[in-house]
C-alpha atoms as a PDB file:
ATOM      1  CA  UNK A   1     -23.298  -4.229  21.744  1.00  0.00           C
ATOM      2  CA  UNK A   2     -20.263  -5.281  23.832  1.00  0.00           C
ATOM      3  CA  UNK A   3     -18.580  -6.640  20.689  1.00  0.00           C
ATOM      4  CA  UNK A   4     -19.191  -3.440  18.794  1.00  0.00           C
ATOM      5  CA  UNK A   5     -17.644  -1.358  21.621  1.00  0.00           C
ATOM      6  CA  UNK A   6     -14.674  -3.721  21.647  1.00  0.00           C
ATOM      7  CA  UNK A   7     -14.115  -3.358  17.893  1.00  0.00           C
ATOM      8  CA  UNK A   8     -14.326   0.450  18.163  1.00  0.00           C
ATOM      9  CA  UNK A   9     -11.779   0.405  20.928  1.00  0.00           C
ATOM     10  CA  UNK A  10      -9.439  -1.849  18.948  1.00  0.00           C
ATOM     11  CA  UNK A  11      -9.649   0.438  15.940  1.00  0.00           C
ATOM     12  CA  UNK A  12      -8.989   3.460  18.147  1.00  0.00           C
ATOM     13  CA  UNK A  13      -5.880   1.817  19.493  1.00  0.00           C
ATOM     14  CA  UNK A  14      -4.708   0.859  16.035  1.00  0.00           C
ATOM     15  CA  UNK A  15      -5.291   4.406  14.773  1.00  0.00           C
ATOM     16  CA  UNK A  16      -3.303   5.749  17.668  1.00  0.00           C
ATOM     17  CA  UNK A  17      -0.511   3.202  17.168  1.00  0.00           C
ATOM     18  CA  UNK A  18      -0.305   4.178  13.483  1.00  0.00           C
ATOM     19  CA  UNK A  19       0.417   7.795  14.471  1.00  0.00           C
ATOM     20  CA  UNK A  20       2.951   6.796  17.148  1.00  0.00           C
ATOM     21  CA  UNK A  21       4.828   4.345  14.879  1.00  0.00           C
ATOM     22  CA  UNK A  22       4.875   6.897  12.044  1.00  0.00           C
ATOM     23  CA  UNK A  23       6.420   9.478  14.349  1.00  0.00           C
ATOM     24  CA  UNK A  24       8.870   7.341  16.226  1.00  0.00           C
ATOM     25  CA  UNK A  25       9.358   4.116  14.381  1.00  0.00           C
ATOM     26  CA  UNK A  26       8.672   0.688  15.772  1.00  0.00           C
ATOM     27  CA  UNK A  27      11.715   0.343  17.995  1.00  0.00           C
ATOM     28  CA  UNK A  28      11.287   3.730  19.781  1.00  0.00           C
ATOM     29  CA  UNK A  29       7.570   3.581  20.124  1.00  0.00           C
ATOM     30  CA  UNK A  30       6.194   2.298  23.430  1.00  0.00           C
ATOM     31  CA  UNK A  31       2.984   0.718  24.487  1.00  0.00           C
ATOM     32  CA  UNK A  32       2.640   3.574  27.057  1.00  0.00           C
ATOM     33  CA  UNK A  33       2.667   6.103  24.219  1.00  0.00           C
ATOM     34  CA  UNK A  34       0.100   4.167  22.262  1.00  0.00           C
ATOM     35  CA  UNK A  35      -2.145   3.944  25.318  1.00  0.00           C
ATOM     36  CA  UNK A  36      -1.825   7.710  25.926  1.00  0.00           C
ATOM     37  CA  UNK A  37      -2.430   8.545  22.306  1.00  0.00           C
ATOM     38  CA  UNK A  38      -5.604   6.370  22.193  1.00  0.00           C
ATOM     39  CA  UNK A  39      -6.915   7.543  25.534  1.00  0.00           C
ATOM     40  CA  UNK A  40      -6.788   3.956  26.848  1.00  0.00           C
ATOM     41  CA  UNK A  41      -4.947   2.458  29.800  1.00  0.00           C
ATOM     42  CA  UNK A  42      -1.874   0.393  29.216  1.00  0.00           C
ATOM     43  CA  UNK A  43      -3.822  -2.588  30.515  1.00  0.00           C
ATOM     44  CA  UNK A  44      -6.610  -1.844  28.100  1.00  0.00           C
ATOM     45  CA  UNK A  45      -4.153  -1.980  25.161  1.00  0.00           C
ATOM     46  CA  UNK A  46      -2.751  -5.289  26.343  1.00  0.00           C
ATOM     47  CA  UNK A  47      -6.281  -6.555  26.775  1.00  0.00           C
ATOM     48  CA  UNK A  48      -6.807  -6.214  23.037  1.00  0.00           C
ATOM     49  CA  UNK A  49      -3.241  -6.732  21.808  1.00  0.00           C
ATOM     50  CA  UNK A  50      -0.860  -8.936  23.756  1.00  0.00           C
ATOM     51  CA  UNK A  51       2.359  -7.178  22.473  1.00  0.00           C
ATOM     52  CA  UNK A  52       3.648  -4.254  20.445  1.00  0.00           C
ATOM     53  CA  UNK A  53       4.592  -6.762  17.705  1.00  0.00           C
ATOM     54  CA  UNK A  54       0.980  -7.862  17.435  1.00  0.00           C
ATOM     55  CA  UNK A  55      -0.218  -4.242  17.102  1.00  0.00           C
ATOM     56  CA  UNK A  56       2.276  -3.627  14.306  1.00  0.00           C
ATOM     57  CA  UNK A  57       1.285  -6.778  12.455  1.00  0.00           C
ATOM     58  CA  UNK A  58      -2.425  -5.866  12.770  1.00  0.00           C
ATOM     59  CA  UNK A  59      -1.657  -2.450  11.336  1.00  0.00           C
ATOM     60  CA  UNK A  60       0.195  -4.023   8.431  1.00  0.00           C
ATOM     61  CA  UNK A  61      -2.682  -6.425   7.689  1.00  0.00           C
ATOM     62  CA  UNK A  62      -5.219  -3.613   7.977  1.00  0.00           C
ATOM     63  CA  UNK A  63      -3.220  -1.563   5.492  1.00  0.00           C
ATOM     64  CA  UNK A  64      -2.866  -4.455   3.068  1.00  0.00           C
ATOM     65  CA  UNK A  65      -6.610  -5.055   3.196  1.00  0.00           C
ATOM     66  CA  UNK A  66      -7.365  -1.371   2.534  1.00  0.00           C
ATOM     67  CA  UNK A  67      -5.008  -1.391  -0.444  1.00  0.00           C
ATOM     68  CA  UNK A  68      -6.390  -4.604  -1.739  1.00  0.00           C
ATOM     69  CA  UNK A  69      -9.955  -3.301  -1.631  1.00  0.00           C
ATOM     70  CA  UNK A  70      -8.969  -0.033  -3.317  1.00  0.00           C
ATOM     71  CA  UNK A  71      -7.103  -1.938  -6.038  1.00  0.00           C
ATOM     72  CA  UNK A  72     -10.048  -4.324  -6.654  1.00  0.00           C
ATOM     73  CA  UNK A  73     -12.530  -1.514  -6.892  1.00  0.00           C
ATOM     74  CA  UNK A  74     -10.340   0.492  -9.324  1.00  0.00           C
ATOM     75  CA  UNK A  75      -9.685  -2.595 -11.584  1.00  0.00           C
ATOM     76  CA  UNK A  76     -13.396  -3.436 -11.732  1.00  0.00           C
ATOM     77  CA  UNK A  77     -13.903  -0.199 -13.603  1.00  0.00           C
ATOM     78  CA  UNK A  78     -12.026  -1.522 -16.628  1.00  0.00           C
ATOM     79  CA  UNK A  79     -12.025  -4.388 -19.075  1.00  0.00           C
ATOM     80  CA  UNK A  80      -8.734  -3.889 -20.849  1.00  0.00           C
ATOM     81  CA  UNK A  81      -5.935  -5.835 -19.023  1.00  0.00           C
ATOM     82  CA  UNK A  82      -3.389  -3.030 -19.336  1.00  0.00           C
ATOM     83  CA  UNK A  83      -5.961  -0.564 -18.009  1.00  0.00           C
ATOM     84  CA  UNK A  84      -6.584  -2.860 -15.015  1.00  0.00           C
ATOM     85  CA  UNK A  85      -2.858  -2.981 -14.207  1.00  0.00           C
ATOM     86  CA  UNK A  86      -2.658   0.671 -14.778  1.00  0.00           C
ATOM     87  CA  UNK A  87      -5.655   1.395 -12.451  1.00  0.00           C
ATOM     88  CA  UNK A  88      -4.181  -0.871  -9.736  1.00  0.00           C
ATOM     89  CA  UNK A  89      -1.004   1.226  -9.543  1.00  0.00           C
ATOM     90  CA  UNK A  90      -2.917   4.476  -9.611  1.00  0.00           C
ATOM     91  CA  UNK A  91      -5.205   3.247  -6.795  1.00  0.00           C
ATOM     92  CA  UNK A  92      -2.123   2.604  -4.552  1.00  0.00           C
ATOM     93  CA  UNK A  93      -0.810   6.162  -5.285  1.00  0.00           C
ATOM     94  CA  UNK A  94      -4.138   7.689  -4.602  1.00  0.00           C
ATOM     95  CA  UNK A  95      -4.545   5.840  -1.303  1.00  0.00           C
ATOM     96  CA  UNK A  96      -1.203   6.943   0.029  1.00  0.00           C
ATOM     97  CA  UNK A  97      -1.665  10.457  -1.370  1.00  0.00           C
ATOM     98  CA  UNK A  98      -4.682  10.775   0.903  1.00  0.00           C
ATOM     99  CA  UNK A  99      -3.067   9.128   3.918  1.00  0.00           C
ATOM    100  CA  UNK A 100       0.554  10.288   4.267  1.00  0.00           C
ATOM    101  CA  UNK A 101       0.841   8.886   7.758  1.00  0.00           C
ATOM    102  CA  UNK A 102      -0.167   5.540   6.437  1.00  0.00           C
ATOM    103  CA  UNK A 103       2.398   5.790   3.576  1.00  0.00           C
ATOM    104  CA  UNK A 104       5.137   6.581   6.004  1.00  0.00           C
ATOM    105  CA  UNK A 105       4.248   3.641   8.285  1.00  0.00           C
ATOM    106  CA  UNK A 106       3.963   1.176   5.407  1.00  0.00           C
ATOM    107  CA  UNK A 107       6.786   2.367   3.107  1.00  0.00           C
ATOM    108  CA  UNK A 108       9.441   3.610   5.470  1.00  0.00           C
ATOM    109  CA  UNK A 109       9.073   2.628   9.103  1.00  0.00           C
ATOM    110  CA  UNK A 110       8.510  -1.077   8.335  1.00  0.00           C
ATOM    111  CA  UNK A 111      11.911  -1.318   6.815  1.00  0.00           C
ATOM    112  CA  UNK A 112      13.581  -0.922  10.195  1.00  0.00           C
ATOM    113  CA  UNK A 113      10.908  -2.650  12.325  1.00  0.00           C
ATOM    114  CA  UNK A 114      12.433  -6.145  12.259  1.00  0.00           C
ATOM    115  CA  UNK A 115      12.748  -9.274  10.214  1.00  0.00           C
ATOM    116  CA  UNK A 116       9.198 -10.558  10.767  1.00  0.00           C
ATOM    117  CA  UNK A 117       7.673  -7.335   9.481  1.00  0.00           C
ATOM    118  CA  UNK A 118      10.046  -7.160   6.512  1.00  0.00           C
ATOM    119  CA  UNK A 119       8.955 -10.787   5.710  1.00  0.00           C
ATOM    120  CA  UNK A 120       5.325  -9.636   5.825  1.00  0.00           C
ATOM    121  CA  UNK A 121       6.085  -6.735   3.485  1.00  0.00           C
ATOM    122  CA  UNK A 122       7.866  -9.066   1.045  1.00  0.00           C
ATOM    123  CA  UNK A 123       4.686 -11.175   0.972  1.00  0.00           C
ATOM    124  CA  UNK A 124       2.665  -8.111   0.294  1.00  0.00           C
ATOM    125  CA  UNK A 125       4.903  -6.910  -2.502  1.00  0.00           C
ATOM    126  CA  UNK A 126       4.727 -10.320  -4.059  1.00  0.00           C
ATOM    127  CA  UNK A 127       0.916 -10.295  -3.791  1.00  0.00           C
ATOM    128  CA  UNK A 128       0.501  -6.939  -5.419  1.00  0.00           C
ATOM    129  CA  UNK A 129       3.128  -7.733  -8.080  1.00  0.00           C
ATOM    130  CA  UNK A 130       1.130 -10.889  -8.776  1.00  0.00           C
ATOM    131  CA  UNK A 131      -1.924  -8.801  -9.458  1.00  0.00           C
ATOM    132  CA  UNK A 132       0.022  -6.828 -12.055  1.00  0.00           C
ATOM    133  CA  UNK A 133       1.438 -10.004 -13.516  1.00  0.00           C
ATOM    134  CA  UNK A 134      -1.998 -11.502 -13.920  1.00  0.00           C
ATOM    135  CA  UNK A 135      -3.077  -8.637 -16.151  1.00  0.00           C
ATOM    136  CA  UNK A 136       0.121  -8.528 -18.092  1.00  0.00           C
ATOM    137  CA  UNK A 137      -0.294 -12.237 -18.748  1.00  0.00           C
ATOM    138  CA  UNK A 138      -3.825 -11.565 -19.986  1.00  0.00           C
ATOM    139  CA  UNK A 139      -2.445  -8.759 -22.344  1.00  0.00           C
ATOM    140  CA  UNK A 140       0.099 -11.283 -23.720  1.00  0.00           C
ATOM    141  CA  UNK A 141      -2.652 -13.930 -24.237  1.00  0.00           C
ATOM    142  CA  UNK A 142      -4.879 -11.440 -26.057  1.00  0.00           C
ATOM    143  CA  UNK A 143      -2.027 -10.275 -28.300  1.00  0.00           C
ATOM    144  CA  UNK A 144      -2.076  -6.734 -26.819  1.00  0.00           C
ATOM    145  CA  UNK A 145       1.640  -6.888 -26.021  1.00  0.00           C
ATOM    146  CA  UNK A 146       4.438  -9.168 -27.208  1.00  0.00           C
ATOM    147  CA  UNK A 147       5.376 -12.182 -25.088  1.00  0.00           C
ATOM    148  CA  UNK A 148       7.785 -11.213 -22.270  1.00  0.00           C
ATOM    149  CA  UNK A 149       8.727 -12.320 -18.738  1.00  0.00           C
ATOM    150  CA  UNK A 150       5.700 -10.979 -17.015  1.00  0.00           C
ATOM    151  CA  UNK A 151       6.999 -11.934 -13.557  1.00  0.00           C
ATOM    152  CA  UNK A 152      10.042  -9.652 -13.939  1.00  0.00           C
ATOM    153  CA  UNK A 153       7.975  -6.913 -15.537  1.00  0.00           C
ATOM    154  CA  UNK A 154       5.392  -6.999 -12.785  1.00  0.00           C
ATOM    155  CA  UNK A 155       8.125  -6.813 -10.136  1.00  0.00           C
ATOM    156  CA  UNK A 156       9.690  -3.914 -11.970  1.00  0.00           C
ATOM    157  CA  UNK A 157       6.371  -2.029 -12.219  1.00  0.00           C
ATOM    158  CA  UNK A 158       5.559  -2.431  -8.533  1.00  0.00           C
ATOM    159  CA  UNK A 159       9.136  -1.779  -7.519  1.00  0.00           C
ATOM    160  CA  UNK A 160       9.129   1.523  -9.481  1.00  0.00           C
ATOM    161  CA  UNK A 161       5.916   2.534  -7.725  1.00  0.00           C
ATOM    162  CA  UNK A 162       7.370   1.583  -4.364  1.00  0.00           C
ATOM    163  CA  UNK A 163      10.403   3.790  -4.874  1.00  0.00           C
ATOM    164  CA  UNK A 164       8.353   6.729  -6.069  1.00  0.00           C
ATOM    165  CA  UNK A 165       6.088   6.494  -3.035  1.00  0.00           C
ATOM    166  CA  UNK A 166       9.038   6.126  -0.604  1.00  0.00           C
ATOM    167  CA  UNK A 167      10.742   9.147  -2.048  1.00  0.00           C
ATOM    168  CA  UNK A 168       7.580  11.219  -1.801  1.00  0.00           C
ATOM    169  CA  UNK A 169       7.066  10.251   1.866  1.00  0.00           C
ATOM    170  CA  UNK A 170      10.653  11.436   2.684  1.00  0.00           C
ATOM    171  CA  UNK A 171      10.666  14.790   0.840  1.00  0.00           C
ATOM    172  CA  UNK A 172       6.921  15.411   0.105  1.00  0.00           C
ATOM    173  CA  UNK A 173       7.545  16.639  -3.435  1.00  0.00           C
ATOM    174  CA  UNK A 174       5.518  17.019  -5.595  1.00  0.00           C
ATOM    175  CA  UNK A 175       2.723  18.150  -3.316  1.00  0.00           C
ATOM    176  CA  UNK A 176       0.360  15.579  -4.844  1.00  0.00           C
ATOM    177  CA  UNK A 177       1.789  12.068  -5.035  1.00  0.00           C
ATOM    178  CA  UNK A 178      -0.695  11.304  -7.870  1.00  0.00           C
ATOM    179  CA  UNK A 179       1.149  13.836 -10.044  1.00  0.00           C
ATOM    180  CA  UNK A 180       4.204  11.509 -10.222  1.00  0.00           C
ATOM    181  CA  UNK A 181       2.226   8.942 -12.177  1.00  0.00           C
ATOM    182  CA  UNK A 182       2.026  11.136 -15.252  1.00  0.00           C
ATOM    183  CA  UNK A 183       5.877  10.892 -15.453  1.00  0.00           C
ATOM    184  CA  UNK A 184       6.152   7.281 -14.398  1.00  0.00           C
ATOM    185  CA  UNK A 185       3.402   5.793 -16.547  1.00  0.00           C
ATOM    186  CA  UNK A 186       5.035   6.223 -19.990  1.00  0.00           C
ATOM    187  CA  UNK A 187       8.140   4.462 -18.784  1.00  0.00           C
ATOM    188  CA  UNK A 188       6.087   1.519 -17.495  1.00  0.00           C
ATOM    189  CA  UNK A 189       4.080   1.266 -20.704  1.00  0.00           C
ATOM    190  CA  UNK A 190       7.235   1.355 -22.880  1.00  0.00           C
ATOM    191  CA  UNK A 191       8.836  -1.270 -20.720  1.00  0.00           C
ATOM    192  CA  UNK A 192       6.224  -3.879 -21.911  1.00  0.00           C
ATOM    193  CA  UNK A 193       5.648  -2.405 -25.338  1.00  0.00           C
ATOM    194  CA  UNK A 194       2.024  -1.349 -24.541  1.00  0.00           C
ATOM    195  CA  UNK A 195       0.141   1.442 -26.282  1.00  0.00           C
ATOM    196  CA  UNK A 196      -0.850   4.059 -23.824  1.00  0.00           C
ATOM    197  CA  UNK A 197      -4.520   4.408 -22.852  1.00  0.00           C
ATOM    198  CA  UNK A 198      -5.265   8.057 -22.224  1.00  0.00           C
ATOM    199  CA  UNK A 199      -4.392   8.812 -18.660  1.00  0.00           C
ATOM    200  CA  UNK A 200      -7.531  10.984 -18.341  1.00  0.00           C
ATOM    201  CA  UNK A 201      -9.624   7.857 -18.624  1.00  0.00           C
ATOM    202  CA  UNK A 202      -8.044   6.496 -15.407  1.00  0.00           C
ATOM    203  CA  UNK A 203      -7.875   9.818 -13.545  1.00  0.00           C
ATOM    204  CA  UNK A 204     -11.636  10.271 -13.978  1.00  0.00           C
ATOM    205  CA  UNK A 205     -12.457   6.817 -12.653  1.00  0.00           C
END
């Protein structure tokens, strides 16, 4: 019972911190503001998280885990390797489309938060690009696409997605982030010489 209450309190603090960091950025946000936003005392925040840095890293890790779960669930719906890579990118878009505050925290505020957080983001980008590369490699092995440098291609795919999401966070156009994928997708497919699977098949999944 006590452990459950503690976990609920931790999540409430992290949820509050996400809102504060998204509004003010890491440097201007204070533990006092996080405490006030979460309805917790400053001492209560420090009881669960020894520093603002730890709170931020916990938020990054929680966001990465959420994205990873969404990606894995989306890819599990498909057998074709290009469809799996396709579904992974669409899952990221859909997640941030539904959680704009999360998108701002993850895509924008972390850039100015400090070197340790940028390093964590670099690891995350490498992890997700690695997922794309894995399925591009499978497509090459199965003769679906011609041999190519899948590492560079995967970095380009995820980098393009990153730029699209960042731009959307800043200007909020179009209204639905998912709408951007209809324009981005043909460019990605042509970049690796893949035949397009109907987008409707992914949108319905």
